[in-house]
Protein backbone atom coordinates (compact mmCIF):
# COMPACT_ATOMS: atom_id res chain seq x y z
CA UNK A 1 2.48 -1.86 25.56
CA UNK A 2 -0.78 -0.09 24.65
CA UNK A 3 -1.67 2.66 27.11
CA UNK A 4 -5.30 3.30 28.05
CA UNK A 5 -6.77 6.84 28.09
CA UNK A 6 -10.08 7.68 29.75
CA UNK A 7 -11.71 10.68 28.03
CA UNK A 8 -14.43 12.29 30.15
CA UNK A 9 -16.33 14.77 27.99
CA UNK A 10 -20.04 15.39 27.47
CA UNK A 11 -19.70 17.32 24.18
CA UNK A 12 -20.15 14.65 21.49
CA UNK A 13 -18.04 16.36 18.82
CA UNK A 14 -15.10 17.09 21.11
CA UNK A 15 -15.32 13.57 22.61
CA UNK A 16 -15.29 12.02 19.13
CA UNK A 17 -12.35 14.18 18.02
CA UNK A 18 -10.29 13.23 21.05
CA UNK A 19 -11.18 9.55 20.72
CA UNK A 20 -10.17 9.33 17.07
CA UNK A 21 -7.03 11.40 17.52
CA UNK A 22 -5.81 9.44 20.52
CA UNK A 23 -6.61 6.13 18.80
CA UNK A 24 -4.49 7.15 15.81
CA UNK A 25 -1.65 7.81 18.24
CA UNK A 26 -1.85 4.23 19.46
CA UNK A 27 -3.80 4.68 22.72
CA UNK A 28 -6.66 2.48 23.74
CA UNK A 29 -9.47 4.95 24.41
CA UNK A 30 -12.42 4.67 26.79
CA UNK A 31 -14.99 7.46 26.96
CA UNK A 32 -17.44 8.64 29.59
CA UNK A 33 -20.13 11.30 29.37
CA UNK A 34 -20.97 11.67 33.08
CA UNK A 35 -19.10 11.82 36.36
CA UNK A 36 -20.67 8.59 37.60
CA UNK A 37 -19.79 6.74 34.39
CA UNK A 38 -16.20 8.00 34.61
CA UNK A 39 -15.89 6.87 38.24
CA UNK A 40 -17.22 3.43 37.36
CA UNK A 41 -14.80 3.03 34.46
CA UNK A 42 -11.88 4.26 36.57
CA UNK A 43 -12.61 1.73 39.31
CA UNK A 44 -13.31 -1.20 36.98
CA UNK A 45 -10.50 -0.65 34.49
CA UNK A 46 -7.97 1.94 35.74
CA UNK A 47 -6.58 4.00 32.84
CA UNK A 48 -3.01 5.18 32.39
CA UNK A 49 -4.17 8.77 31.67
CA UNK A 50 -7.38 10.73 32.25
CA UNK A 51 -8.46 13.62 30.03
CA UNK A 52 -11.20 15.39 31.93
CA UNK A 53 -13.83 18.05 31.22
CA UNK A 54 -15.20 19.84 34.28
CA UNK A 55 -18.82 20.70 33.46
CA UNK A 56 -20.47 17.29 33.42
CA UNK A 57 -24.23 16.60 33.50
CA UNK A 58 -24.18 15.07 37.00
CA UNK A 59 -21.38 16.95 38.71
CA UNK A 60 -18.06 18.74 38.55
CA UNK A 61 -14.92 17.04 37.23
CA UNK A 62 -13.07 18.33 40.29
CA UNK A 63 -14.74 15.53 42.25
CA UNK A 64 -13.09 12.95 40.01
CA UNK A 65 -9.70 14.59 40.44
CA UNK A 66 -10.05 14.30 44.23
CA UNK A 67 -11.26 10.71 44.06
CA UNK A 68 -8.47 9.53 41.78
CA UNK A 69 -5.72 11.49 43.53
CA UNK A 70 -6.68 10.04 46.93
CA UNK A 71 -5.76 6.57 45.63
CA UNK A 72 -3.55 6.77 42.56
CA UNK A 73 -1.01 8.94 40.75
CA UNK A 74 -2.72 8.57 37.37
CA UNK A 75 -1.93 11.59 35.17
CA UNK A 76 -4.95 13.89 34.84
CA UNK A 77 -5.19 16.47 32.04
CA UNK A 78 -8.09 18.90 32.55
CA UNK A 79 -9.68 20.29 29.39
CA UNK A 80 -12.23 23.00 30.11
CA UNK A 81 -13.85 26.17 28.81
CA UNK A 82 -13.28 27.75 32.26
CA UNK A 83 -10.35 30.10 31.97
CA UNK A 84 -10.28 31.84 35.35
CA UNK A 85 -6.88 31.65 36.99
CA UNK A 86 -8.43 30.75 40.38
CA UNK A 87 -10.15 27.73 38.76
CA UNK A 88 -6.88 26.50 37.27
CA UNK A 89 -5.07 26.91 40.57
CA UNK A 90 -7.84 25.01 42.38
CA UNK A 91 -7.64 22.08 39.96
CA UNK A 92 -3.83 21.96 39.96
CA UNK A 93 -3.75 22.08 43.77
CA UNK A 94 -6.31 19.28 43.90
CA UNK A 95 -3.97 17.06 41.93
CA UNK A 96 -4.48 17.68 38.21
CA UNK A 97 -1.28 17.48 36.21
CA UNK A 98 -2.17 20.05 33.58
CA UNK A 99 -4.97 22.38 32.46
CA UNK A 100 -5.88 23.12 28.84
CA UNK A 101 -8.44 25.81 28.00
CA UNK A 102 -10.91 25.20 25.17
CA UNK A 103 -10.54 25.64 22.26
CA UNK A 104 -7.31 23.65 22.11
CA UNK A 105 -5.27 21.83 19.51
CA UNK A 106 -5.06 18.07 19.51
CA UNK A 107 -1.30 18.32 18.97
CA UNK A 108 -0.95 20.32 22.22
CA UNK A 109 -3.14 17.81 24.10
CA UNK A 110 -0.93 14.95 22.91
CA UNK A 111 2.20 16.85 23.90
CA UNK A 112 0.76 17.48 27.40
CA UNK A 113 -0.12 13.78 27.75
CA UNK A 114 3.43 12.79 26.76
CA UNK A 115 4.87 15.23 29.35
CA UNK A 116 2.56 13.94 32.11
CA UNK A 117 3.50 10.35 31.36
CA UNK A 118 7.18 11.20 31.15
CA UNK A 119 6.93 12.67 34.67
CA UNK A 120 5.65 9.23 35.77
CA UNK A 121 8.60 7.49 34.12
CA UNK A 122 6.85 6.50 30.89
CA UNK A 123 8.62 8.05 27.89
CA UNK A 124 6.57 8.20 24.69
CA UNK A 125 7.62 9.22 21.25
CA UNK A 126 5.07 10.59 18.76
CA UNK A 127 3.31 7.71 17.06
CA UNK A 128 3.88 6.76 13.44
CA UNK A 129 0.77 7.92 11.61
CA UNK A 130 1.85 7.68 7.97
CA UNK A 131 3.30 4.84 5.91
CA UNK A 132 4.55 4.80 2.34
CA UNK A 133 6.12 1.88 0.51
CA UNK A 134 6.01 1.31 -3.25
CA UNK A 135 2.37 1.61 -4.34
CA UNK A 136 0.90 1.73 -0.81
CA UNK A 137 0.16 4.92 1.12
CA UNK A 138 -1.52 4.88 4.55
CA UNK A 139 -2.42 8.10 6.36
CA UNK A 140 -3.91 7.25 9.74
CA UNK A 141 -4.67 10.87 10.75
CA UNK A 142 -6.69 11.38 7.54
CA UNK A 143 -8.14 7.84 7.80
CA UNK A 144 -7.04 7.25 4.22
CA UNK A 145 -5.50 4.24 2.44
CA UNK A 146 -4.48 4.35 -1.23
CA UNK A 147 -2.83 1.97 -3.72
CA UNK A 148 -1.36 3.52 -6.86
CA UNK A 149 -3.06 6.73 -5.84
CA UNK A 150 -6.50 5.13 -5.81
CA UNK A 151 -8.55 5.02 -2.57
CA UNK A 152 -8.83 1.63 -0.88
CA UNK A 153 -12.00 1.25 1.14
CA UNK A 154 -11.55 -0.66 4.41
CA UNK A 155 -14.05 -1.71 7.06
CA UNK A 156 -13.49 -0.20 10.53
CA UNK A 157 -11.90 -3.44 11.76
CA UNK A 158 -9.69 -3.77 8.72
CA UNK A 159 -8.50 -0.18 9.19
CA UNK A 160 -7.85 -0.74 12.89
CA UNK A 161 -5.78 -3.83 12.13
CA UNK A 162 -3.75 -2.07 9.44
CA UNK A 163 -3.25 0.97 11.76
CA UNK A 164 -1.84 -1.31 14.46
CA UNK A 165 0.67 -2.74 11.99
CA UNK A 166 1.56 0.76 10.68
CA UNK A 167 2.47 1.85 14.20
CA UNK A 168 4.96 -1.04 14.35
CA UNK A 169 6.06 -1.01 10.69
CA UNK A 170 9.10 -3.16 10.16
CA UNK A 171 8.60 -5.05 13.44
CA UNK A 172 6.73 -8.24 14.13
CA UNK A 173 3.47 -7.93 16.08
CA UNK A 174 2.38 -11.18 17.68
CA UNK A 175 -0.97 -12.79 17.10
CA UNK A 176 -2.00 -12.23 20.73
CA UNK A 177 -0.99 -8.57 20.63
CA UNK A 178 -2.91 -7.91 17.47
CA UNK A 179 -6.01 -9.69 18.79
CA UNK A 180 -5.84 -7.79 22.12
CA UNK A 181 -5.29 -4.40 20.51
CA UNK A 182 -7.86 -4.73 17.70
CA UNK A 183 -10.60 -6.92 19.26
CA UNK A 184 -9.87 -6.78 22.98
CA UNK A 185 -8.01 -8.85 25.56
CA UNK A 186 -10.83 -11.38 25.76
CA UNK A 187 -10.19 -12.39 22.12
CA UNK A 188 -6.50 -13.35 22.34
CA UNK A 189 -7.24 -16.99 21.51
CA UNK A 190 -9.46 -16.23 18.51
CA UNK A 191 -6.75 -16.52 15.86
CA UNK A 192 -9.35 -17.34 13.17
CA UNK A 193 -10.49 -13.67 13.37
CA UNK A 194 -6.99 -12.58 12.54
CA UNK A 195 -6.56 -14.96 9.64
CA UNK A 196 -9.90 -13.88 8.18
CA UNK A 197 -9.24 -10.16 8.35
CA UNK A 198 -5.63 -10.46 7.25
CA UNK A 199 -6.87 -12.30 4.15
CA UNK A 200 -9.39 -9.51 3.48
CA UNK A 201 -6.74 -6.84 3.95
CA UNK A 202 -4.32 -8.55 1.57
CA UNK A 203 -7.05 -8.89 -1.05
CA UNK A 204 -7.50 -5.12 -0.97
CA UNK A 205 -3.96 -3.78 -0.74
CA UNK A 206 -1.67 -6.42 -2.27
CA UNK A 207 -1.13 -6.77 -6.01
CA UNK A 208 -0.80 -10.52 -5.51
CA UNK A 209 -2.35 -11.62 -2.19
CA UNK A 210 -0.73 -15.06 -2.57
CA UNK A 211 2.72 -13.41 -2.66
CA UNK A 212 2.33 -10.42 -0.33
CA UNK A 213 4.71 -7.50 -0.54
CA UNK A 214 3.33 -5.47 2.40
CA UNK A 215 1.58 -7.71 4.90
CA UNK A 216 4.10 -10.39 5.77
CA UNK A 217 3.53 -13.53 7.83
CA UNK A 218 6.05 -14.46 10.53
CA UNK A 219 5.14 -18.15 10.82
CA UNK A 220 4.02 -19.17 14.28
CA UNK A 221 4.58 -15.67 15.68
CA UNK A 222 2.48 -12.97 14.01
CA UNK A 223 2.54 -10.44 11.18
CA UNK A 224 4.78 -7.60 10.03
CA UNK A 225 4.14 -4.62 7.77
CA UNK A 226 7.12 -4.30 5.46
CA UNK A 227 8.98 -1.02 5.91
CA UNK A 228 11.40 -1.27 3.01
């Protein structure tokens, strides 16, 4: 199951960093820049976790904490430059699960998210972000793919598809799951997308695309990235 994270942050660089880092870890990431946008996303498509900045252009993140906590137990991780103890206590008492002060490390943010989810009964293990087999090396964190040590250039969609298979290396991922995770739940019947992009991926990373070593077809079910 892919968990959805809502990142509410008006700083473009920090927002982009969190989005890319969480995506690599296997989360589906939605982003909001304002309080009103965050509230609309929360109501329309409730996330499994909220990562929340406080100083937003149209209000204070505390208001979102109160709104969410009045209706749901969704984990809320506050990430803010405000470091006063009274501010932290106010947010935690209002219902936030945790409070990280900027600057922060992505590794710590991920650990705090795992703890918050675990407290809700959802145990997560750190995602697989690197894959090596024979001539193929995939490093999701560095956004790098290489064959025989030479860079392989993938389109964003090709990389997203390969990343989804890396996170389940050795296991079959169904057609529907791949389509939902890479293109979105409204595309689960568009299997021609999957065939097209899988063909493109094989052409780039397989020595012989007609006899694939890495990207294996499970007939009638889905695809599997070979793990050994």
